[in-house]
Amino acid sequence: MVPVLVFFIMKDKDRLARWLLRFLPADRTLVNRIGRDINVQMSNYIRGKTIEMLIVGVAAYILFHLFGLNYSILLSTLVGLSVFVPVVGAIVMTVPVVLVAFLKFGFSQQLIWLTLAYIVLQQLDGNVLVPILFAEVNKLHPVAIISAVLIFGGTWGIWGVVFAIPLATLVQAIIQAWPEEIAQPEAQTRLSTDIS
């Protein structure tokens, strides 16, 4: 169904846009401003995710290469791509990493040290790199990012975790575009009283 839906949306996008615009007010400056902010924030989010994938992939390759793990390039590429889906990607990729390490080292200290090092890498990514990186590219405070992951993840589970940062940027764009006279009516009332 999705390819068919995408086909018809692309085919009739102008007609659909005109139909949707009928439901919006004639003065759409606020909606347009929010749309532009969201567009910028989403492109920043994609740029940040790409940077995160590269950093984690390179760090995983260095880690796997230092331990002499087989298929280091393949595994590190998959680990880098897995960060696109927070939490779930790290858990899913742990299985092949540990399995390849077990086949290479058997049940030994090297297996345990590699597994611990990989867990530390994933923890540093999720708890240090992501908040710092997205605080920089999306202009969101690390507390806002961590709170968004907790709130949206608690509300919608895995999908909430996946879309936490884009949803947080949406909320930020709406808050920044919110007209001041709506946000602070008592300040406007005081101002008009002071002028009179």
C-alpha atoms as a PDB file:
ATOM      1  CA  MET A   1       0.000   0.000   0.000  1.00  0.00           C
ATOM      2  CA  VAL A   2       2.794   2.461   0.810  1.00  0.00           C
ATOM      3  CA  PRO A   3       4.271   2.552  -2.742  1.00  0.00           C
ATOM      4  CA  VAL A   4       0.776   3.044  -4.206  1.00  0.00           C
ATOM      5  CA  LEU A   5       0.051   5.809  -1.689  1.00  0.00           C
ATOM      6  CA  VAL A   6       3.377   7.526  -2.424  1.00  0.00           C
ATOM      7  CA  PHE A   7       2.666   7.309  -6.165  1.00  0.00           C
ATOM      8  CA  PHE A   8      -0.711   9.033  -5.838  1.00  0.00           C
ATOM      9  CA  ILE A   9       0.632  11.664  -3.432  1.00  0.00           C
ATOM     10  CA  MET A  10       3.453  12.509  -5.833  1.00  0.00           C
ATOM     11  CA  LYS A  11       1.115  12.443  -8.845  1.00  0.00           C
ATOM     12  CA  ASP A  12      -1.492  14.768  -7.304  1.00  0.00           C
ATOM     13  CA  LYS A  13       0.638  16.729  -4.833  1.00  0.00           C
ATOM     14  CA  ASP A  14      -0.468  20.160  -6.121  1.00  0.00           C
ATOM     15  CA  ARG A  15      -4.128  19.210  -6.000  1.00  0.00           C
ATOM     16  CA  LEU A  16      -3.766  17.713  -2.511  1.00  0.00           C
ATOM     17  CA  ALA A  17      -1.850  20.785  -1.304  1.00  0.00           C
ATOM     18  CA  ARG A  18      -4.596  23.121  -2.555  1.00  0.00           C
ATOM     19  CA  TRP A  19      -7.207  20.962  -0.819  1.00  0.00           C
ATOM     20  CA  LEU A  20      -5.292  21.010   2.481  1.00  0.00           C
ATOM     21  CA  LEU A  21      -4.628  24.759   2.281  1.00  0.00           C
ATOM     22  CA  ARG A  22      -8.396  25.396   2.229  1.00  0.00           C
ATOM     23  CA  PHE A  23      -8.518  24.348   5.899  1.00  0.00           C
ATOM     24  CA  LEU A  24      -5.787  26.758   6.979  1.00  0.00           C
ATOM     25  CA  PRO A  25      -6.356  30.454   7.663  1.00  0.00           C
ATOM     26  CA  ALA A  26      -5.596  32.935   4.892  1.00  0.00           C
ATOM     27  CA  ASP A  27      -2.821  34.515   6.976  1.00  0.00           C
ATOM     28  CA  ARG A  28      -0.424  31.593   7.380  1.00  0.00           C
ATOM     29  CA  THR A  29       2.667  33.427   8.579  1.00  0.00           C
ATOM     30  CA  LEU A  30       2.835  31.449  11.827  1.00  0.00           C
ATOM     31  CA  VAL A  31       2.307  28.104  10.066  1.00  0.00           C
ATOM     32  CA  ASN A  32       4.875  29.009   7.406  1.00  0.00           C
ATOM     33  CA  ARG A  33       7.410  30.033  10.058  1.00  0.00           C
ATOM     34  CA  ILE A  34       6.897  26.761  11.941  1.00  0.00           C
ATOM     35  CA  GLY A  35       7.215  24.833   8.667  1.00  0.00           C
ATOM     36  CA  ARG A  36      10.495  26.543   7.799  1.00  0.00           C
ATOM     37  CA  ASP A  37      11.850  25.938  11.320  1.00  0.00           C
ATOM     38  CA  ILE A  38      10.879  22.263  11.180  1.00  0.00           C
ATOM     39  CA  ASN A  39      12.490  21.913   7.750  1.00  0.00           C
ATOM     40  CA  VAL A  40      15.760  23.364   9.062  1.00  0.00           C
ATOM     41  CA  GLN A  41      15.611  21.263  12.244  1.00  0.00           C
ATOM     42  CA  MET A  42      14.936  18.030  10.319  1.00  0.00           C
ATOM     43  CA  SER A  43      17.870  18.650   7.994  1.00  0.00           C
ATOM     44  CA  ASN A  44      20.008  19.337  11.076  1.00  0.00           C
ATOM     45  CA  TYR A  45      18.717  16.103  12.621  1.00  0.00           C
ATOM     46  CA  ILE A  46      19.665  14.080   9.535  1.00  0.00           C
ATOM     47  CA  ARG A  47      23.099  15.732   9.481  1.00  0.00           C
ATOM     48  CA  GLY A  48      23.547  14.944  13.181  1.00  0.00           C
ATOM     49  CA  LYS A  49      22.489  11.310  12.697  1.00  0.00           C
ATOM     50  CA  THR A  50      24.954  10.956   9.828  1.00  0.00           C
ATOM     51  CA  ILE A  51      27.769  12.356  11.967  1.00  0.00           C
ATOM     52  CA  GLU A  52      26.767  10.034  14.826  1.00  0.00           C
ATOM     53  CA  MET A  53      26.782   7.014  12.488  1.00  0.00           C
ATOM     54  CA  LEU A  54      30.271   7.903  11.243  1.00  0.00           C
ATOM     55  CA  ILE A  55      31.686   8.466  14.738  1.00  0.00           C
ATOM     56  CA  VAL A  56      30.226   5.254  16.159  1.00  0.00           C
ATOM     57  CA  GLY A  57      31.209   3.232  13.076  1.00  0.00           C
ATOM     58  CA  VAL A  58      34.814   4.447  13.172  1.00  0.00           C
ATOM     59  CA  ALA A  59      35.049   3.929  16.949  1.00  0.00           C
ATOM     60  CA  ALA A  60      33.620   0.400  16.568  1.00  0.00           C
ATOM     61  CA  TYR A  61      36.106  -0.379  13.797  1.00  0.00           C
ATOM     62  CA  ILE A  62      39.036   0.776  15.962  1.00  0.00           C
ATOM     63  CA  LEU A  63      37.720  -1.300  18.859  1.00  0.00           C
ATOM     64  CA  PHE A  64      37.187  -4.441  16.768  1.00  0.00           C
ATOM     65  CA  HIS A  65      40.529  -4.026  14.980  1.00  0.00           C
ATOM     66  CA  LEU A  66      42.389  -3.683  18.290  1.00  0.00           C
ATOM     67  CA  PHE A  67      40.891  -6.970  19.446  1.00  0.00           C
ATOM     68  CA  GLY A  68      41.654  -8.609  16.091  1.00  0.00           C
ATOM     69  CA  LEU A  69      38.007  -9.469  15.510  1.00  0.00           C
ATOM     70  CA  ASN A  70      37.097 -11.063  12.183  1.00  0.00           C
ATOM     71  CA  TYR A  71      34.879  -9.030   9.828  1.00  0.00           C
ATOM     72  CA  SER A  72      35.769  -5.774  11.616  1.00  0.00           C
ATOM     73  CA  ILE A  73      34.798  -3.560   8.684  1.00  0.00           C
ATOM     74  CA  LEU A  74      31.451  -5.282   8.134  1.00  0.00           C
ATOM     75  CA  LEU A  75      30.551  -5.333  11.836  1.00  0.00           C
ATOM     76  CA  SER A  76      31.595  -1.720  12.426  1.00  0.00           C
ATOM     77  CA  THR A  77      29.583  -0.581   9.388  1.00  0.00           C
ATOM     78  CA  LEU A  78      26.522  -2.381  10.732  1.00  0.00           C
ATOM     79  CA  VAL A  79      27.104  -0.925  14.212  1.00  0.00           C
ATOM     80  CA  GLY A  80      27.338   2.559  12.684  1.00  0.00           C
ATOM     81  CA  LEU A  81      24.093   2.048  10.753  1.00  0.00           C
ATOM     82  CA  SER A  82      22.367   0.563  13.801  1.00  0.00           C
ATOM     83  CA  VAL A  83      22.482   3.846  15.710  1.00  0.00           C
ATOM     84  CA  PHE A  84      19.795   5.155  13.362  1.00  0.00           C
ATOM     85  CA  VAL A  85      17.337   3.264  15.577  1.00  0.00           C
ATOM     86  CA  PRO A  86      18.237   4.239  19.155  1.00  0.00           C
ATOM     87  CA  VAL A  87      18.387   1.511  21.807  1.00  0.00           C
ATOM     88  CA  VAL A  88      16.969  -1.220  19.559  1.00  0.00           C
ATOM     89  CA  GLY A  89      19.828  -0.959  17.054  1.00  0.00           C
ATOM     90  CA  ALA A  90      22.417  -1.328  19.808  1.00  0.00           C
ATOM     91  CA  ILE A  91      20.649  -4.357  21.285  1.00  0.00           C
ATOM     92  CA  VAL A  92      20.183  -6.047  17.908  1.00  0.00           C
ATOM     93  CA  MET A  93      23.822  -5.480  16.881  1.00  0.00           C
ATOM     94  CA  THR A  94      25.138  -6.891  20.146  1.00  0.00           C
ATOM     95  CA  VAL A  95      24.138 -10.403  19.027  1.00  0.00           C
ATOM     96  CA  PRO A  96      26.324 -10.610  15.875  1.00  0.00           C
ATOM     97  CA  VAL A  97      29.242  -8.828  17.558  1.00  0.00           C
ATOM     98  CA  VAL A  98      29.249 -11.222  20.510  1.00  0.00           C
ATOM     99  CA  LEU A  99      28.630 -14.233  18.234  1.00  0.00           C
ATOM    100  CA  VAL A 100      31.587 -13.401  15.956  1.00  0.00           C
ATOM    101  CA  ALA A 101      33.747 -12.744  19.025  1.00  0.00           C
ATOM    102  CA  PHE A 102      32.671 -16.065  20.551  1.00  0.00           C
ATOM    103  CA  LEU A 103      33.535 -17.933  17.339  1.00  0.00           C
ATOM    104  CA  LYS A 104      36.942 -16.210  17.246  1.00  0.00           C
ATOM    105  CA  PHE A 105      37.940 -16.341  20.928  1.00  0.00           C
ATOM    106  CA  GLY A 106      35.695 -18.981  22.454  1.00  0.00           C
ATOM    107  CA  PHE A 107      34.578 -18.390  25.994  1.00  0.00           C
ATOM    108  CA  SER A 108      37.627 -16.475  27.184  1.00  0.00           C
ATOM    109  CA  GLN A 109      38.711 -13.238  28.794  1.00  0.00           C
ATOM    110  CA  GLN A 110      39.059 -11.602  25.384  1.00  0.00           C
ATOM    111  CA  LEU A 111      35.379 -12.272  24.701  1.00  0.00           C
ATOM    112  CA  ILE A 112      34.416 -10.717  28.024  1.00  0.00           C
ATOM    113  CA  TRP A 113      36.684  -7.672  27.517  1.00  0.00           C
ATOM    114  CA  LEU A 114      35.416  -7.112  23.973  1.00  0.00           C
ATOM    115  CA  THR A 115      31.797  -7.393  25.116  1.00  0.00           C
ATOM    116  CA  LEU A 116      32.407  -4.922  27.961  1.00  0.00           C
ATOM    117  CA  ALA A 117      34.213  -2.513  25.633  1.00  0.00           C
ATOM    118  CA  TYR A 118      31.350  -2.727  23.137  1.00  0.00           C
ATOM    119  CA  ILE A 119      28.796  -2.039  25.897  1.00  0.00           C
ATOM    120  CA  VAL A 120      30.842   0.982  27.025  1.00  0.00           C
ATOM    121  CA  LEU A 121      30.921   2.229  23.415  1.00  0.00           C
ATOM    122  CA  GLN A 122      27.130   1.934  23.154  1.00  0.00           C
ATOM    123  CA  GLN A 123      26.629   3.652  26.522  1.00  0.00           C
ATOM    124  CA  LEU A 124      28.928   6.518  25.534  1.00  0.00           C
ATOM    125  CA  ASP A 125      27.009   6.900  22.283  1.00  0.00           C
ATOM    126  CA  GLY A 126      23.561   6.936  23.858  1.00  0.00           C
ATOM    127  CA  ASN A 127      24.322   8.900  27.007  1.00  0.00           C
ATOM    128  CA  VAL A 128      27.130  11.285  25.999  1.00  0.00           C
ATOM    129  CA  LEU A 129      27.508  11.610  22.211  1.00  0.00           C
ATOM    130  CA  VAL A 130      23.815  11.878  21.286  1.00  0.00           C
ATOM    131  CA  PRO A 131      22.907  14.603  23.822  1.00  0.00           C
ATOM    132  CA  ILE A 132      26.020  16.646  23.037  1.00  0.00           C
ATOM    133  CA  LEU A 133      25.797  16.204  19.264  1.00  0.00           C
ATOM    134  CA  PHE A 134      22.101  16.974  18.965  1.00  0.00           C
ATOM    135  CA  ALA A 135      22.343  19.831  21.431  1.00  0.00           C
ATOM    136  CA  GLU A 136      24.780  21.350  18.953  1.00  0.00           C
ATOM    137  CA  VAL A 137      23.039  20.649  15.636  1.00  0.00           C
ATOM    138  CA  ASN A 138      19.413  21.061  16.775  1.00  0.00           C
ATOM    139  CA  LYS A 139      20.032  23.765  19.381  1.00  0.00           C
ATOM    140  CA  LEU A 140      18.335  21.622  22.014  1.00  0.00           C
ATOM    141  CA  HIS A 141      19.712  21.379  25.530  1.00  0.00           C
ATOM    142  CA  PRO A 142      20.963  17.863  26.446  1.00  0.00           C
ATOM    143  CA  VAL A 143      18.364  17.776  29.251  1.00  0.00           C
ATOM    144  CA  ALA A 144      15.635  18.417  26.659  1.00  0.00           C
ATOM    145  CA  ILE A 145      16.925  15.562  24.496  1.00  0.00           C
ATOM    146  CA  ILE A 146      17.134  13.088  27.374  1.00  0.00           C
ATOM    147  CA  SER A 147      13.709  14.197  28.626  1.00  0.00           C
ATOM    148  CA  ALA A 148      12.236  13.787  25.123  1.00  0.00           C
ATOM    149  CA  VAL A 149      13.601  10.243  24.880  1.00  0.00           C
ATOM    150  CA  LEU A 150      12.165   9.390  28.305  1.00  0.00           C
ATOM    151  CA  ILE A 151       8.777  11.046  27.718  1.00  0.00           C
ATOM    152  CA  PHE A 152       8.142   9.918  24.146  1.00  0.00           C
ATOM    153  CA  GLY A 153       9.710   6.501  24.777  1.00  0.00           C
ATOM    154  CA  GLY A 154       7.523   6.006  27.837  1.00  0.00           C
ATOM    155  CA  THR A 155       4.460   7.120  25.918  1.00  0.00           C
ATOM    156  CA  TRP A 156       4.933   5.326  22.576  1.00  0.00           C
ATOM    157  CA  GLY A 157       7.592   2.702  23.321  1.00  0.00           C
ATOM    158  CA  ILE A 158      10.186   1.986  20.637  1.00  0.00           C
ATOM    159  CA  TRP A 159       8.577   4.340  18.116  1.00  0.00           C
ATOM    160  CA  GLY A 160       8.695   7.116  20.698  1.00  0.00           C
ATOM    161  CA  VAL A 161      12.415   6.527  21.208  1.00  0.00           C
ATOM    162  CA  VAL A 162      13.053   6.513  17.444  1.00  0.00           C
ATOM    163  CA  PHE A 163      11.163   9.774  16.872  1.00  0.00           C
ATOM    164  CA  ALA A 164      11.987  11.492  20.200  1.00  0.00           C
ATOM    165  CA  ILE A 165      14.470  14.025  18.825  1.00  0.00           C
ATOM    166  CA  PRO A 166      12.393  14.965  15.741  1.00  0.00           C
ATOM    167  CA  LEU A 167       9.343  15.380  17.995  1.00  0.00           C
ATOM    168  CA  ALA A 168      11.361  17.503  20.417  1.00  0.00           C
ATOM    169  CA  THR A 169      12.479  19.734  17.547  1.00  0.00           C
ATOM    170  CA  LEU A 170       8.843  20.037  16.442  1.00  0.00           C
ATOM    171  CA  VAL A 171       7.849  21.159  19.935  1.00  0.00           C
ATOM    172  CA  GLN A 172      10.782  23.585  19.989  1.00  0.00           C
ATOM    173  CA  ALA A 173       9.775  25.067  16.609  1.00  0.00           C
ATOM    174  CA  ILE A 174       6.192  25.583  17.805  1.00  0.00           C
ATOM    175  CA  ILE A 175       7.330  27.196  21.064  1.00  0.00           C
ATOM    176  CA  GLN A 176       9.762  29.516  19.267  1.00  0.00           C
ATOM    177  CA  ALA A 177       7.154  30.562  16.700  1.00  0.00           C
ATOM    178  CA  TRP A 178       4.407  31.051  19.274  1.00  0.00           C
ATOM    179  CA  PRO A 179       3.259  34.670  19.180  1.00  0.00           C
ATOM    180  CA  GLU A 180       4.362  36.619  22.234  1.00  0.00           C
ATOM    181  CA  GLU A 181       0.971  38.231  22.714  1.00  0.00           C
ATOM    182  CA  ILE A 182      -0.605  34.783  23.142  1.00  0.00           C
ATOM    183  CA  ALA A 183       2.186  33.487  25.366  1.00  0.00           C
ATOM    184  CA  GLN A 184       2.121  36.496  27.722  1.00  0.00           C
ATOM    185  CA  PRO A 185      -1.310  38.169  27.679  1.00  0.00           C
ATOM    186  CA  GLU A 186      -0.774  39.844  31.047  1.00  0.00           C
ATOM    187  CA  ALA A 187       2.387  41.519  29.744  1.00  0.00           C
ATOM    188  CA  GLN A 188       0.404  42.909  26.791  1.00  0.00           C
ATOM    189  CA  THR A 189      -2.352  44.102  29.125  1.00  0.00           C
ATOM    190  CA  ARG A 190       0.217  45.836  31.368  1.00  0.00           C
ATOM    191  CA  LEU A 191       1.859  47.424  28.327  1.00  0.00           C
ATOM    192  CA  SER A 192      -1.413  48.829  26.992  1.00  0.00           C
ATOM    193  CA  THR A 193      -2.311  50.116  30.502  1.00  0.00           C
ATOM    194  CA  ASP A 194       1.094  51.785  30.853  1.00  0.00           C
ATOM    195  CA  ILE A 195       0.717  53.481  27.465  1.00  0.00           C
ATOM    196  CA  SER A 196      -2.748  54.841  28.354  1.00  0.00           C
END
